Amino acid sequence: MTEWLAQLGDLPTLVLMGALGLVMLLDAVPLLGVLVPGDAAILVAVGVGRPYIGPPTVVSVVVGSLCGWSLTFAVGRRFGTRLRHSRVGGWIGESRWAAAERIVSQGGGRMVLVGPFLPVFNTLLPLAAGGLRMSYRRFAVCAATGAALWAGLYVLLGGVARSLAGLLPGENAPLLVTMAVGLLLAGLLLAGTRRRLLAAVTPPD
């Protein structure tokens, strides 16, 4: 893994940002997004330690995520009901699909904005928004803003983690520790927020 990460660090910045944008596009696809570590990809981009890597990282995340979510939104708008009752809908799960619709219907654009901070639901909310006929303009503005906030948080956490990693010996230590510490800090910061957001839209027993 260290050799693979070192090779990533040798990529030109433009190529690295293009790869990050592609990862974020895949991260926005239902089912597939669960397998794509979008948060880790952001930390890798920050972990290479290049000057001024933060702004292009945020731009790549926003562009890639918005492209993926826009495609998912269009699928939800065109095939939402049919897809929900298809085999793919069965893989997603009726409970998750219903929860995503409830989140969007109760919170509207605000919940689309915080969607990137909700694992699994970040790929389902665009489907639900499309199926519920939310205007694309409203969806795109909220989704892009949420992606920028999410990326900015990980860039900040990655910068803090890399500063801590720089105190350790070893050629690959900064990149590895940036990923490990960044994921730990993000998990601690977002766990409570995710629970409160989901609890707010969970119907009482």
Protein backbone atom coordinates (compact mmCIF):
# COMPACT_ATOMS: atom_id res chain seq x y z
CA MET A 1 0.00 0.00 0.00
CA THR A 2 2.84 2.39 0.78
CA GLU A 3 4.28 1.91 -2.73
CA TRP A 4 0.86 2.56 -4.28
CA LEU A 5 0.41 5.75 -2.24
CA ALA A 6 3.92 6.88 -3.14
CA GLN A 7 3.09 6.44 -6.83
CA LEU A 8 -0.03 8.56 -6.39
CA GLY A 9 2.12 11.25 -4.85
CA ASP A 10 4.28 11.30 -8.00
CA LEU A 11 1.34 12.05 -10.31
CA PRO A 12 1.12 15.53 -11.85
CA THR A 13 -1.36 17.72 -10.00
CA LEU A 14 -3.71 17.93 -13.00
CA VAL A 15 -3.83 14.14 -13.33
CA LEU A 16 -4.29 13.71 -9.58
CA MET A 17 -7.21 16.15 -9.57
CA GLY A 18 -8.76 14.44 -12.58
CA ALA A 19 -8.52 11.08 -10.83
CA LEU A 20 -10.06 12.58 -7.71
CA GLY A 21 -12.96 14.00 -9.72
CA LEU A 22 -13.57 10.57 -11.28
CA VAL A 23 -13.52 8.91 -7.85
CA MET A 24 -16.06 11.42 -6.57
CA LEU A 25 -18.30 10.79 -9.57
CA LEU A 26 -18.27 7.07 -8.82
CA ASP A 27 -18.78 7.80 -5.11
CA ALA A 28 -22.07 9.53 -6.01
CA VAL A 29 -23.55 6.45 -7.73
CA PRO A 30 -26.00 4.34 -5.65
CA LEU A 31 -24.62 0.95 -4.56
CA LEU A 32 -21.26 1.63 -6.23
CA GLY A 33 -20.67 4.64 -4.00
CA VAL A 34 -20.62 2.44 -0.91
CA LEU A 35 -17.50 0.74 -2.28
CA VAL A 36 -15.68 3.94 -3.27
CA PRO A 37 -13.77 5.64 -0.42
CA GLY A 38 -14.40 9.26 -1.37
CA ASP A 39 -13.25 10.66 1.98
CA ALA A 40 -10.01 8.69 1.79
CA ALA A 41 -9.43 9.96 -1.76
CA ILE A 42 -9.63 13.57 -0.56
CA LEU A 43 -7.16 12.87 2.22
CA VAL A 44 -4.76 11.27 -0.27
CA ALA A 45 -4.90 14.41 -2.41
CA VAL A 46 -4.15 16.57 0.64
CA GLY A 47 -1.57 14.11 1.93
CA VAL A 48 0.77 14.54 -1.04
CA GLY A 49 1.66 17.86 0.58
CA ARG A 50 1.82 20.06 -2.51
CA PRO A 51 1.47 23.83 -2.07
CA TYR A 52 -2.03 25.22 -2.52
CA ILE A 53 -3.54 21.77 -3.12
CA GLY A 54 -6.66 22.66 -1.10
CA PRO A 55 -8.57 24.84 -3.61
CA PRO A 56 -8.15 22.49 -6.62
CA THR A 57 -9.10 19.57 -4.37
CA VAL A 58 -12.37 21.27 -3.40
CA VAL A 59 -13.10 22.12 -7.04
CA SER A 60 -12.46 18.53 -8.16
CA VAL A 61 -14.73 17.16 -5.44
CA VAL A 62 -17.54 19.57 -6.27
CA VAL A 63 -17.35 18.96 -10.03
CA GLY A 64 -17.08 15.17 -9.73
CA SER A 65 -19.79 14.87 -7.08
CA LEU A 66 -22.19 17.19 -8.88
CA CYS A 67 -21.76 15.26 -12.14
CA GLY A 68 -22.50 11.97 -10.38
CA TRP A 69 -25.43 13.34 -8.40
CA SER A 70 -26.88 15.04 -11.49
CA LEU A 71 -26.91 11.72 -13.34
CA THR A 72 -28.54 10.05 -10.34
CA PHE A 73 -31.07 12.90 -10.08
CA ALA A 74 -31.96 12.45 -13.77
CA VAL A 75 -32.42 8.70 -13.27
CA GLY A 76 -34.68 9.37 -10.29
CA ARG A 77 -36.70 11.91 -12.29
CA ARG A 78 -37.13 9.58 -15.27
CA PHE A 79 -37.23 6.08 -13.77
CA GLY A 80 -37.77 6.63 -10.03
CA THR A 81 -40.90 4.52 -9.47
CA ARG A 82 -39.87 1.82 -11.92
CA LEU A 83 -36.36 1.65 -10.48
CA ARG A 84 -37.67 1.49 -6.92
CA HIS A 85 -39.60 -1.70 -7.70
CA SER A 86 -36.84 -3.24 -9.79
CA ARG A 87 -34.05 -5.59 -8.73
CA VAL A 88 -31.78 -2.60 -8.18
CA GLY A 89 -34.40 -1.11 -5.88
CA GLY A 90 -34.43 -4.38 -3.97
CA TRP A 91 -30.66 -4.19 -3.54
CA ILE A 92 -30.98 -0.66 -2.19
CA GLY A 93 -33.76 -1.68 0.17
CA GLU A 94 -37.26 -0.27 0.55
CA SER A 95 -36.50 1.06 4.04
CA ARG A 96 -33.52 3.08 2.80
CA TRP A 97 -35.47 4.35 -0.20
CA ALA A 98 -38.41 5.41 1.99
CA ALA A 99 -36.04 7.09 4.46
CA ALA A 100 -34.35 9.04 1.64
CA GLU A 101 -37.72 10.27 0.38
CA ARG A 102 -38.72 11.24 3.92
CA ILE A 103 -35.47 13.16 4.39
CA VAL A 104 -35.97 15.12 1.17
CA SER A 105 -39.69 15.75 1.64
CA GLN A 106 -39.24 17.02 5.22
CA GLY A 107 -35.98 18.93 4.77
CA GLY A 108 -36.01 19.83 1.07
CA GLY A 109 -32.89 21.53 -0.22
CA ARG A 110 -31.36 21.76 3.25
CA MET A 111 -31.15 17.98 3.47
CA VAL A 112 -29.66 17.77 -0.02
CA LEU A 113 -27.04 20.25 1.21
CA VAL A 114 -26.06 18.01 4.15
CA GLY A 115 -26.35 14.87 2.03
CA PRO A 116 -22.57 14.50 1.56
CA PHE A 117 -22.24 14.09 5.32
CA LEU A 118 -24.67 11.15 5.40
CA PRO A 119 -23.10 7.83 4.36
CA VAL A 120 -25.21 5.70 2.00
CA PHE A 121 -27.91 8.38 1.88
CA ASN A 122 -25.57 10.71 -0.02
CA THR A 123 -26.18 8.52 -3.09
CA LEU A 124 -29.92 8.00 -2.46
CA LEU A 125 -30.98 11.60 -1.81
CA PRO A 126 -30.45 12.63 -5.48
CA LEU A 127 -32.65 9.70 -6.56
CA ALA A 128 -35.33 10.77 -4.10
CA ALA A 129 -35.04 14.44 -5.08
CA GLY A 130 -35.50 13.55 -8.73
CA GLY A 131 -38.43 11.27 -7.99
CA LEU A 132 -40.11 13.95 -5.85
CA ARG A 133 -39.78 16.46 -8.72
CA MET A 134 -37.49 18.91 -6.95
CA SER A 135 -36.32 21.58 -9.39
CA TYR A 136 -32.88 20.77 -10.78
CA ARG A 137 -31.63 24.31 -10.19
CA ARG A 138 -32.44 24.11 -6.48
CA PHE A 139 -30.97 20.62 -6.29
CA ALA A 140 -27.74 21.61 -8.05
CA VAL A 141 -27.15 24.69 -5.88
CA CYS A 142 -27.73 22.76 -2.64
CA ALA A 143 -25.71 19.74 -3.78
CA ALA A 144 -22.75 21.84 -4.94
CA THR A 145 -22.76 23.83 -1.69
CA GLY A 146 -22.88 20.64 0.37
CA ALA A 147 -20.05 19.08 -1.62
CA ALA A 148 -17.92 22.21 -1.14
CA LEU A 149 -18.53 22.20 2.62
CA TRP A 150 -17.80 18.47 2.86
CA ALA A 151 -14.62 18.78 0.80
CA GLY A 152 -13.51 21.84 2.76
CA LEU A 153 -13.92 19.95 6.03
CA TYR A 154 -11.80 17.05 4.80
CA VAL A 155 -9.17 19.39 3.37
CA LEU A 156 -8.96 21.12 6.76
CA LEU A 157 -8.78 17.84 8.66
CA GLY A 158 -6.24 16.50 6.18
CA GLY A 159 -4.07 19.58 6.67
CA VAL A 160 -4.15 19.15 10.44
CA ALA A 161 -3.40 15.45 10.13
CA ARG A 162 -0.50 16.06 7.76
CA SER A 163 1.00 18.60 10.14
CA LEU A 164 0.93 15.96 12.86
CA ALA A 165 2.31 13.34 10.49
CA GLY A 166 5.23 15.60 9.57
CA LEU A 167 6.59 15.14 13.06
CA LEU A 168 7.07 11.41 12.48
CA PRO A 169 10.07 9.75 10.78
CA GLY A 170 9.73 7.84 7.54
CA GLU A 171 9.36 8.79 3.89
CA ASN A 172 5.73 7.64 3.56
CA ALA A 173 4.65 8.43 7.11
CA PRO A 174 3.01 11.81 6.29
CA LEU A 175 0.69 10.35 3.65
CA LEU A 176 -0.28 7.26 5.66
CA VAL A 177 -0.80 9.14 8.91
CA THR A 178 -2.73 11.89 7.13
CA MET A 179 -5.21 9.28 5.92
CA ALA A 180 -5.47 7.48 9.27
CA VAL A 181 -5.70 10.57 11.48
CA GLY A 182 -7.92 12.44 9.01
CA LEU A 183 -10.43 9.59 8.87
CA LEU A 184 -10.41 9.29 12.66
CA LEU A 185 -10.98 13.02 13.18
CA ALA A 186 -13.71 13.09 10.53
CA GLY A 187 -15.43 10.08 12.06
CA LEU A 188 -15.47 11.66 15.51
CA LEU A 189 -16.67 15.01 14.20
CA LEU A 190 -19.41 13.69 11.93
CA ALA A 191 -20.77 10.76 13.96
CA GLY A 192 -22.88 12.93 16.25
CA THR A 193 -24.06 15.13 13.41
CA ARG A 194 -25.14 12.13 11.35
CA ARG A 195 -27.08 10.64 14.27
CA ARG A 196 -28.92 13.91 14.95
CA LEU A 197 -29.79 14.44 11.29
CA LEU A 198 -31.13 10.92 10.88
CA ALA A 199 -32.99 11.03 14.20
CA ALA A 200 -34.70 14.24 13.13
CA VAL A 201 -36.33 12.49 10.16
CA THR A 202 -36.92 9.08 11.72
CA PRO A 203 -40.62 8.55 12.43
CA PRO A 204 -41.55 7.69 16.05
CA ASP A 205 -42.48 4.11 16.87
